[in-house]
Each structure stands twice: as structure tokens, then as C-alpha cells.
Amino acid sequence: MAIYFLLFFVVAILAISNMRPTEDVLGKNFSLLRSPSAFLFFVCLVLFIGLRHEVGGDWANYIYALQKASSMELNQLITLGGEPLFSVISAYAASFTSEYNNSGHAYNTGGLHFLNTVCAIFFSYGLMVFCMHQPRPWLALCVAVPYLIIVVALGYTRQAGALGFIMLALTAISHGKLFQYCIWILVAATMHKTALVMFPLMIFAVKKNKILILIGTAILGILFYYFLFIDSLAALAQNYLASGYDAAGALIRLLMTAILATIFLCFRNSFVLNRTEKDFWTGVSILALVLLFLYFLSPSSTAVDRIGIYLIPLQLFVMSRLPDVFGVYGARNPIIHYLIIMYSLLILTTWIFFSFNARNWIPYESFIWVWLGMTLA
């Protein structure tokens, strides 16, 4: 577990070293190469997430899925899975054979490491773009470490990849690029179909001709749903809703986002945002509160929890601005910074020591270490 705390404290130190806010530090056209520290962190994040070995609750499930995929044609994978981009990546990953020793543990899992690394690139790039466009990028990343990076990125391969594209969409809409937002959400849906839940939120950012745009996007969404997801969404509803799956800790995760949503709605006029950002994040905050309400009504907390994952960037968005909301605008406001960092540390500590599922993340192992051990043996 030491590596998780090491990751957190490295980002926390960077957040403390860069307390003063910057306005859209990398401009509308983001490039990792323009920020050496951001590029280095991006590379480390990809290696940390993508080359994990037997980490996360779904590791065995993905091994099994790739084994099945190795005996299927690409069109079969797309038809059964419903996520074209993820199916293409899985088809290539399945070409790497996974072998097992006598105890049943995989020792040649190159296919899964390839799949995880590609999804890690999607997630990490989207996260860096999103955070680097916040007024305090490293504070936003510090907030992201305990749950978004360690739990989601290491545990939910498909949704993490989809979330990367969603964060690109959130960045685009902050600059008023509604068309780009829609495109990124549709790309995210080709990784995980539930990402389509973010599609209607674009209506909150529309200023003119809302009815026409709503009709147009509805038609586009229906066509996309009909041609790609109609069968798989029915299966998803059956798996999550009809079977009544429950996700451990779902209420706590939904509360974390709902609390930040409430803060934003109560102090929205104190956030220095353009009209598009303010209206859009108001819509996201309302959805976060609706999901919390649905938690108590839905037959499956997992269904609500999985949708709630896509709203976690709201936490990064709000917390990176709290020093300006509750402190002096444009100042360092160190006390608020420290409180946010301590809160994030509390989340990480609580999850590691008290979450039942954390045992699937501990100890952290990397394929690099496994490969070195096999090479030197």
C-alpha cells in the first residue's frame, strides 16, 4: 500500500508548491509537451495504471473475457459487447496468449497488460487535460488520487477509458465547444455504453435555439443507440436492474459527489466561471443529487453507482476552486489548500484500511517487477 501513499504525497507536494491559481494555464489547445511536469506525471500514471499486475476486483474477469475473445471474430465481439472501440482493442489484446501455472495463476498476461495500458492512456490523457485546465491543476489531481485514480482507474478498465474521453468532453464544453462535447461523449460510449448518460447534459450549455439543438441531439443519440447499443443496453439493464446487484460503498461514493454538488449550487455565484460553464456544471450538480435520490429507489445500487463514476470530475472541478470561493480570490489561501489535501488523505486512508474491497488492490504489483523477477530467476 506504500506506493498509493507515495503517489498521493508526491501530488500533494506539487499542489502545495503551486497554490496560486492560474487561468487556463495551457490554453484551449492542450499539449502535454508544453508542460514537462505534466508530461512526466502522465507517463508515470500510464505505467502505474496500465502495467498493474493482478490488481483490482475484476482482474480475473478480464482474463476470462480475453480468453473468450481469442476464439471470436471481431464482428462477434462488437455484436455481443456493443462497444466498438473496446471490442477492437480487446480483439488485438486477445491475440496475446494467457498461460496458467499449476496453481491457476496467470503468468503470461500480455494481452491484459496491453488492454490496460491502452485504456490507461485514454484515462490519463483525459485526466491531465481536464486538470490542467482547472485554476489549480495539481490540487485537482490531488483530489483525484484517492478514488478516481487508485480505485476507478485501477479497478474499472472499460469505464476508466470511457471516463478519459468524458473528461475531454468536459474540457471542450468549458470552452463552449458543444459539437466537440457530443463527439467525445459518443467516443466514450464506444468504450462503455453507459457513458451515453452524459449526452443530454449538453443542453444545459446551450444558449440559443435550445429546442432545435435538443431535437437534433436526440435524433443523433437515438440513431447511435439503435445501431450500436440497443441489444447490449437491454442486457445491461437485465444484469444491473433485474438482478438487483448492489455495490459496496455506493452510498458513500454518491454522497462525496453530492456534497460537492450542493456546495456548488449554494455558492455558484461565487465561482468565477463563464455562463456556459456555470449553466453546465449546474446541470451536472443537479444530476448528482438526482442519483443520490435514485440510490434509495433503484433495485440495484450498482446501476446508480456506475453512472455516478462519470460525475466524479465534479469533485475535481469544485475543489480546485474552493480556495477562491471561501478565501481571497487569486491568493494562495494555504489553510483551505491544506484542508482539501487533508480531506483527500482521509479518503485514501479510510478506503485502504476500512474498505472490504481494498484487499484486491493490496499489495500493488507491476508487470515490470514480475518481468524482472522472471528474467533474473
Protein backbone atom coordinates (compact mmCIF):
# COMPACT_ATOMS: atom_id res chain seq x y z
CA MET A 1 0.00 0.00 0.00
CA ALA A 2 3.02 2.27 0.35
CA ILE A 3 3.01 3.13 -3.35
CA TYR A 4 -0.50 4.56 -3.06
CA PHE A 5 0.54 6.92 -0.28
CA LEU A 6 3.73 7.78 -2.19
CA LEU A 7 1.67 8.76 -5.23
CA PHE A 8 -0.62 10.86 -3.09
CA PHE A 9 2.16 12.72 -1.23
CA VAL A 10 4.07 13.47 -4.45
CA VAL A 11 0.97 15.11 -5.93
CA ALA A 12 0.16 16.81 -2.61
CA ILE A 13 3.65 18.38 -2.50
CA LEU A 14 3.17 19.65 -6.04
CA ALA A 15 -0.22 21.07 -5.02
CA ILE A 16 1.34 22.85 -2.04
CA SER A 17 4.14 24.19 -4.25
CA ASN A 18 1.62 25.60 -6.72
CA MET A 19 -1.07 27.16 -4.54
CA ARG A 20 -1.59 30.33 -6.51
CA PRO A 21 -4.22 29.87 -9.23
CA THR A 22 -3.52 30.21 -12.92
CA GLU A 23 -6.10 30.95 -15.57
CA ASP A 24 -6.42 28.12 -18.08
CA VAL A 25 -2.68 27.51 -17.85
CA LEU A 26 -2.31 25.69 -21.14
CA GLY A 27 -4.96 27.47 -23.14
CA LYS A 28 -7.67 25.87 -25.24
CA ASN A 29 -5.22 23.75 -27.22
CA PHE A 30 -3.65 21.44 -24.67
CA SER A 31 -0.29 19.84 -25.31
CA LEU A 32 1.48 17.67 -22.78
CA LEU A 33 4.81 18.66 -24.30
CA ARG A 34 4.26 22.26 -23.19
CA SER A 35 4.41 21.22 -19.55
CA PRO A 36 7.33 18.92 -18.62
CA SER A 37 5.93 18.16 -15.16
CA ALA A 38 2.53 17.28 -16.62
CA PHE A 39 4.11 15.08 -19.29
CA LEU A 40 6.26 13.24 -16.74
CA PHE A 41 3.27 12.66 -14.48
CA PHE A 42 1.24 11.45 -17.47
CA VAL A 43 3.92 8.85 -18.35
CA CYS A 44 4.16 7.68 -14.73
CA LEU A 45 0.39 7.45 -14.49
CA VAL A 46 0.14 5.34 -17.66
CA LEU A 47 2.81 2.94 -16.36
CA PHE A 48 1.25 2.84 -12.89
CA ILE A 49 -2.25 2.09 -14.19
CA GLY A 50 -1.54 0.17 -17.38
CA LEU A 51 1.15 -2.20 -16.12
CA ARG A 52 -0.54 -3.18 -12.87
CA HIS A 53 -0.48 -6.92 -12.26
CA GLU A 54 -3.31 -8.80 -10.53
CA VAL A 55 -4.63 -5.55 -9.05
CA GLY A 56 -8.33 -4.68 -8.91
CA GLY A 57 -11.50 -6.62 -8.32
CA ASP A 58 -12.12 -7.51 -11.98
CA TRP A 59 -8.67 -8.87 -12.87
CA ALA A 60 -9.80 -12.48 -13.18
CA ASN A 61 -12.94 -11.45 -15.08
CA TYR A 62 -10.89 -9.64 -17.73
CA ILE A 63 -8.55 -12.63 -18.09
CA TYR A 64 -11.59 -14.82 -18.70
CA ALA A 65 -13.09 -12.28 -21.12
CA LEU A 66 -9.90 -12.16 -23.19
CA GLN A 67 -9.77 -15.93 -23.29
CA LYS A 68 -13.29 -15.98 -24.72
CA ALA A 69 -12.44 -13.16 -27.13
CA SER A 70 -9.49 -15.13 -28.51
CA SER A 71 -11.93 -17.62 -30.05
CA MET A 72 -14.27 -15.00 -31.54
CA GLU A 73 -14.32 -12.86 -34.66
CA LEU A 74 -14.29 -9.07 -34.37
CA ASN A 75 -17.88 -8.71 -35.59
CA GLN A 76 -18.96 -11.19 -32.90
CA LEU A 77 -17.17 -9.19 -30.23
CA ILE A 78 -18.84 -5.95 -31.33
CA THR A 79 -22.27 -7.58 -31.53
CA LEU A 80 -22.04 -9.20 -28.11
CA GLY A 81 -20.22 -6.40 -26.33
CA GLY A 82 -21.79 -3.39 -28.01
CA GLU A 83 -18.72 -1.19 -27.52
CA PRO A 84 -16.87 -1.00 -30.89
CA LEU A 85 -13.66 0.70 -29.77
CA PHE A 86 -13.25 -1.51 -26.73
CA SER A 87 -14.02 -4.57 -28.86
CA VAL A 88 -11.29 -3.67 -31.37
CA ILE A 89 -8.74 -3.22 -28.58
CA SER A 90 -9.88 -6.47 -26.94
CA ALA A 91 -9.62 -8.35 -30.23
CA TYR A 92 -5.99 -7.33 -30.60
CA ALA A 93 -5.25 -7.95 -26.92
CA ALA A 94 -6.76 -11.43 -27.20
CA SER A 95 -4.09 -12.34 -29.73
CA PHE A 96 -1.63 -12.46 -26.81
CA THR A 97 -1.97 -15.86 -25.20
CA SER A 98 -2.51 -16.07 -21.47
CA GLU A 99 -0.95 -19.14 -19.88
CA TYR A 100 -1.51 -20.58 -16.43
CA ASN A 101 0.67 -22.45 -13.98
CA ASN A 102 -0.43 -25.37 -11.80
CA SER A 103 -1.97 -23.11 -9.16
CA GLY A 104 -4.21 -21.44 -11.74
CA HIS A 105 -2.49 -18.04 -11.68
CA ALA A 106 -1.73 -16.35 -14.97
CA TYR A 107 1.94 -15.78 -15.62
CA ASN A 108 1.76 -14.62 -19.24
CA THR A 109 -0.89 -11.90 -19.28
CA GLY A 110 0.49 -9.71 -22.04
CA GLY A 111 -2.95 -9.29 -23.59
CA LEU A 112 -4.48 -7.86 -20.44
CA HIS A 113 -1.50 -5.60 -19.83
CA PHE A 114 -1.86 -4.30 -23.39
CA LEU A 115 -5.59 -3.69 -22.86
CA ASN A 116 -5.00 -1.97 -19.53
CA THR A 117 -2.24 0.23 -20.96
CA VAL A 118 -4.35 1.45 -23.89
CA CYS A 119 -7.23 2.27 -21.53
CA ALA A 120 -4.73 3.90 -19.16
CA ILE A 121 -3.56 6.19 -21.96
CA PHE A 122 -7.16 7.25 -22.66
CA PHE A 123 -7.86 7.85 -18.97
CA SER A 124 -4.59 9.57 -18.11
CA TYR A 125 -4.66 11.92 -21.07
CA GLY A 126 -8.25 12.92 -20.38
CA LEU A 127 -7.46 13.44 -16.70
CA MET A 128 -4.40 15.58 -17.42
CA VAL A 129 -6.28 17.71 -19.97
CA PHE A 130 -9.15 18.24 -17.54
CA CYS A 131 -6.98 19.03 -14.52
CA MET A 132 -4.56 21.28 -16.40
CA HIS A 133 -7.50 23.46 -17.38
CA GLN A 134 -8.50 23.98 -13.75
CA PRO A 135 -7.19 27.03 -11.85
CA ARG A 136 -5.14 24.77 -9.56
CA PRO A 137 -4.19 21.71 -11.65
CA TRP A 138 -2.18 19.87 -9.00
CA LEU A 139 -4.81 20.39 -6.34
CA ALA A 140 -7.36 18.87 -8.74
CA LEU A 141 -5.00 15.91 -9.30
CA CYS A 142 -4.52 15.54 -5.55
CA VAL A 143 -8.29 15.22 -5.14
CA ALA A 144 -8.30 12.68 -7.99
CA VAL A 145 -5.72 10.32 -6.47
CA PRO A 146 -7.67 8.58 -3.67
CA TYR A 147 -10.65 7.40 -5.65
CA LEU A 148 -10.61 8.42 -9.30
CA ILE A 149 -7.06 7.19 -9.95
CA ILE A 150 -6.46 4.43 -7.40
CA VAL A 151 -9.93 2.87 -7.29
CA VAL A 152 -11.56 3.66 -10.65
CA ALA A 153 -8.55 3.65 -12.98
CA LEU A 154 -7.03 0.53 -11.41
CA GLY A 155 -10.31 -1.29 -10.96
CA TYR A 156 -12.65 -0.38 -13.82
CA THR A 157 -10.75 -0.76 -17.08
CA ARG A 158 -13.53 0.00 -19.56
CA GLN A 159 -15.14 2.78 -17.57
CA ALA A 160 -11.76 4.37 -16.90
CA GLY A 161 -11.12 4.52 -20.64
CA ALA A 162 -14.58 5.98 -21.23
CA LEU A 163 -14.04 8.47 -18.41
CA GLY A 164 -10.91 9.75 -20.12
CA PHE A 165 -12.97 10.74 -23.17
CA ILE A 166 -15.67 12.21 -20.94
CA MET A 167 -13.10 14.47 -19.27
CA LEU A 168 -12.03 15.65 -22.74
CA ALA A 169 -15.69 16.41 -23.38
CA LEU A 170 -15.98 18.34 -20.11
CA THR A 171 -12.94 20.41 -21.08
CA ALA A 172 -14.37 21.11 -24.52
CA ILE A 173 -17.72 22.32 -23.21
CA SER A 174 -15.98 24.69 -20.78
CA HIS A 175 -14.75 26.48 -23.91
CA GLY A 176 -18.21 26.43 -25.45
CA LYS A 177 -17.39 23.66 -27.94
CA LEU A 178 -20.70 21.81 -27.88
CA PHE A 179 -20.04 19.78 -31.02
CA GLN A 180 -16.74 18.50 -29.63
CA TYR A 181 -18.50 17.63 -26.40
CA CYS A 182 -21.03 15.46 -28.24
CA ILE A 183 -18.32 13.75 -30.30
CA TRP A 184 -16.23 12.90 -27.23
CA ILE A 185 -19.27 11.51 -25.39
CA LEU A 186 -20.09 9.29 -28.37
CA VAL A 187 -16.48 8.10 -28.48
CA ALA A 188 -16.69 7.38 -24.73
CA ALA A 189 -19.80 5.28 -25.38
CA THR A 190 -17.78 3.08 -27.75
CA MET A 191 -15.70 2.18 -24.69
CA HIS A 192 -18.59 1.79 -22.24
CA LYS A 193 -22.18 2.26 -23.32
CA THR A 194 -23.27 3.85 -20.02
CA ALA A 195 -21.30 6.98 -20.99
CA LEU A 196 -24.32 7.99 -23.07
CA VAL A 197 -25.91 9.20 -19.84
CA MET A 198 -23.71 12.30 -20.14
CA PHE A 199 -25.00 13.13 -23.62
CA PRO A 200 -28.21 15.03 -22.65
CA LEU A 201 -26.29 17.28 -20.23
CA MET A 202 -25.04 19.36 -23.14
CA ILE A 203 -28.46 21.04 -23.27
CA PHE A 204 -27.54 22.98 -20.10
CA ALA A 205 -24.73 24.70 -22.00
CA VAL A 206 -26.84 25.73 -24.99
CA LYS A 207 -27.71 29.43 -25.09
CA LYS A 208 -29.72 29.75 -28.31
CA ASN A 209 -32.08 27.51 -30.27
CA LYS A 210 -32.28 25.04 -27.42
CA ILE A 211 -35.31 23.28 -28.85
CA LEU A 212 -33.73 22.69 -32.27
CA ILE A 213 -30.45 21.55 -30.76
CA LEU A 214 -32.27 19.29 -28.32
CA ILE A 215 -34.22 17.69 -31.16
CA GLY A 216 -31.06 17.26 -33.26
CA THR A 217 -29.06 15.70 -30.46
CA ALA A 218 -31.99 13.47 -29.50
CA ILE A 219 -32.18 12.14 -33.08
CA LEU A 220 -28.42 11.60 -33.16
CA GLY A 221 -28.49 9.85 -29.81
CA ILE A 222 -31.39 7.60 -30.85
CA LEU A 223 -29.64 6.59 -34.07
CA PHE A 224 -26.43 5.89 -32.21
CA TYR A 225 -28.34 3.85 -29.65
CA TYR A 226 -30.31 1.92 -32.27
CA PHE A 227 -27.38 0.91 -34.45
CA LEU A 228 -24.84 0.14 -31.72
CA PHE A 229 -26.34 -0.34 -28.29
CA ILE A 230 -29.97 -1.47 -28.39
CA ASP A 231 -29.22 -5.13 -27.65
CA SER A 232 -26.37 -4.60 -25.22
CA LEU A 233 -28.23 -1.96 -23.21
CA ALA A 234 -31.07 -4.39 -22.72
CA ALA A 235 -28.58 -6.93 -21.39
CA LEU A 236 -27.04 -4.24 -19.15
CA ALA A 237 -30.46 -3.41 -17.70
CA GLN A 238 -31.06 -7.10 -17.06
CA ASN A 239 -27.69 -7.54 -15.36
CA TYR A 240 -27.84 -4.46 -13.15
CA LEU A 241 -31.51 -3.76 -12.51
CA ALA A 242 -33.39 -7.02 -12.80
CA SER A 243 -30.81 -8.98 -10.85
CA GLY A 244 -30.59 -6.32 -8.13
CA TYR A 245 -26.80 -6.10 -7.83
CA ASP A 246 -25.55 -3.90 -5.02
CA ALA A 247 -22.22 -2.09 -4.96
CA ALA A 248 -20.35 -1.94 -1.68
CA GLY A 249 -19.77 1.65 -0.61
CA ALA A 250 -22.02 3.09 -3.33
CA LEU A 251 -23.82 5.42 -0.92
CA ILE A 252 -20.55 6.91 0.35
CA ARG A 253 -19.28 7.49 -3.19
CA LEU A 254 -22.53 9.14 -4.26
CA LEU A 255 -22.50 11.29 -1.11
CA MET A 256 -18.98 12.51 -1.84
CA THR A 257 -20.11 13.89 -5.19
CA ALA A 258 -23.49 15.09 -3.90
CA ILE A 259 -21.85 17.15 -1.14
CA LEU A 260 -19.66 18.96 -3.66
CA ALA A 261 -22.69 19.40 -5.94
CA THR A 262 -24.59 21.02 -3.06
CA ILE A 263 -21.69 23.37 -2.33
CA PHE A 264 -21.58 24.39 -5.97
CA LEU A 265 -25.33 25.02 -6.17
CA CYS A 266 -25.30 27.04 -2.95
CA PHE A 267 -22.30 29.19 -3.90
CA ARG A 268 -22.49 29.07 -7.69
CA ASN A 269 -22.41 32.86 -7.98
CA SER A 270 -19.11 32.91 -6.08
CA PHE A 271 -17.43 30.68 -8.67
CA VAL A 272 -15.68 32.72 -11.35
CA LEU A 273 -17.00 30.97 -14.44
CA ASN A 274 -18.31 31.93 -17.83
CA ARG A 275 -22.03 31.49 -18.46
CA THR A 276 -21.61 28.21 -20.31
CA GLU A 277 -19.56 26.64 -17.51
CA LYS A 278 -21.91 27.84 -14.80
CA ASP A 279 -25.03 26.50 -16.52
CA PHE A 280 -23.43 23.20 -17.49
CA TRP A 281 -21.99 22.39 -14.07
CA THR A 282 -25.32 23.35 -12.54
CA GLY A 283 -26.85 20.59 -14.65
CA VAL A 284 -24.13 18.14 -13.57
CA SER A 285 -24.71 19.05 -9.91
CA ILE A 286 -28.45 18.50 -10.24
CA LEU A 287 -27.81 15.07 -11.79
CA ALA A 288 -25.50 14.19 -8.87
CA LEU A 289 -28.30 14.95 -6.40
CA VAL A 290 -30.80 13.01 -8.52
CA LEU A 291 -28.52 9.96 -8.47
CA LEU A 292 -28.31 10.14 -4.69
CA PHE A 293 -32.11 10.18 -4.56
CA LEU A 294 -32.32 7.28 -7.03
CA TYR A 295 -29.98 5.23 -4.86
CA PHE A 296 -32.81 4.78 -2.37
CA LEU A 297 -35.33 3.89 -5.10
CA SER A 298 -33.34 1.76 -7.53
CA PRO A 299 -33.43 -2.04 -7.12
CA SER A 300 -29.68 -2.02 -7.87
CA SER A 301 -27.23 0.37 -6.27
CA THR A 302 -24.59 -0.79 -8.78
CA ALA A 303 -26.50 0.73 -11.71
CA VAL A 304 -26.64 4.12 -9.96
CA ASP A 305 -23.06 3.82 -8.71
CA ARG A 306 -21.64 3.12 -12.19
CA ILE A 307 -23.34 6.23 -13.58
CA GLY A 308 -22.07 8.22 -10.59
CA ILE A 309 -18.49 7.41 -11.61
CA TYR A 310 -18.86 9.74 -14.60
CA LEU A 311 -19.72 12.63 -12.26
CA ILE A 312 -16.57 12.33 -10.12
CA PRO A 313 -14.82 15.07 -12.17
CA LEU A 314 -17.30 17.44 -10.49
CA GLN A 315 -15.30 16.92 -7.28
CA LEU A 316 -12.09 17.99 -9.01
CA PHE A 317 -13.80 20.95 -10.67
CA VAL A 318 -15.31 22.30 -7.43
CA MET A 319 -12.45 21.58 -5.02
CA SER A 320 -9.82 23.20 -7.23
CA ARG A 321 -11.88 26.40 -6.95
CA LEU A 322 -12.82 26.32 -3.26
CA PRO A 323 -9.75 28.33 -2.16
CA ASP A 324 -11.05 31.23 -4.26
CA VAL A 325 -14.67 30.74 -3.20
CA PHE A 326 -14.01 30.68 0.56
CA GLY A 327 -10.77 32.66 0.57
CA VAL A 328 -9.32 35.70 -1.17
CA TYR A 329 -9.71 35.35 -4.92
CA GLY A 330 -6.37 34.88 -6.67
CA ALA A 331 -4.44 34.45 -3.41
CA ARG A 332 -2.65 31.32 -2.18
CA ASN A 333 -5.18 30.66 0.61
CA PRO A 334 -2.98 27.98 2.20
CA ILE A 335 -5.37 26.96 5.00
CA ILE A 336 -8.08 25.93 2.54
CA HIS A 337 -5.47 24.12 0.46
CA TYR A 338 -4.29 22.13 3.46
CA LEU A 339 -7.85 21.26 4.45
CA ILE A 340 -8.60 19.91 0.97
CA ILE A 341 -5.38 17.88 0.95
CA MET A 342 -6.14 16.50 4.42
CA TYR A 343 -9.66 15.59 3.32
CA SER A 344 -8.25 13.73 0.31
CA LEU A 345 -5.74 11.93 2.55
CA LEU A 346 -8.59 10.94 4.87
CA ILE A 347 -10.49 9.45 1.91
CA LEU A 348 -7.43 7.44 0.86
CA THR A 349 -6.66 6.22 4.38
CA THR A 350 -10.27 5.26 5.08
CA TRP A 351 -10.55 3.30 1.84
CA ILE A 352 -7.27 1.41 2.29
CA PHE A 353 -7.82 0.43 5.91
CA PHE A 354 -11.59 0.02 6.12
CA SER A 355 -12.86 -0.91 2.66
CA PHE A 356 -13.55 -4.63 2.24
CA ASN A 357 -12.69 -4.47 -1.48
CA ALA A 358 -9.33 -2.76 -0.89
CA ARG A 359 -7.75 -6.17 -0.42
CA ASN A 360 -7.96 -6.61 -4.21
CA TRP A 361 -5.65 -3.60 -4.61
CA ILE A 362 -3.13 -4.60 -1.94
CA PRO A 363 -0.33 -5.28 -2.45
CA TYR A 364 0.23 -3.31 -5.62
CA GLU A 365 2.24 -5.25 -8.17
CA SER A 366 3.58 -4.13 -11.53
CA PHE A 367 4.25 -6.24 -14.59
CA ILE A 368 7.70 -4.61 -14.65
CA TRP A 369 8.53 -6.18 -11.30
CA VAL A 370 7.11 -9.54 -12.36
CA TRP A 371 9.06 -9.45 -15.63
CA LEU A 372 12.29 -8.53 -13.84
CA GLY A 373 11.76 -11.34 -11.36
CA MET A 374 11.21 -13.87 -14.14
CA THR A 375 14.22 -12.57 -16.07
CA LEU A 376 16.59 -12.67 -13.13
CA ALA A 377 15.33 -16.03 -11.87
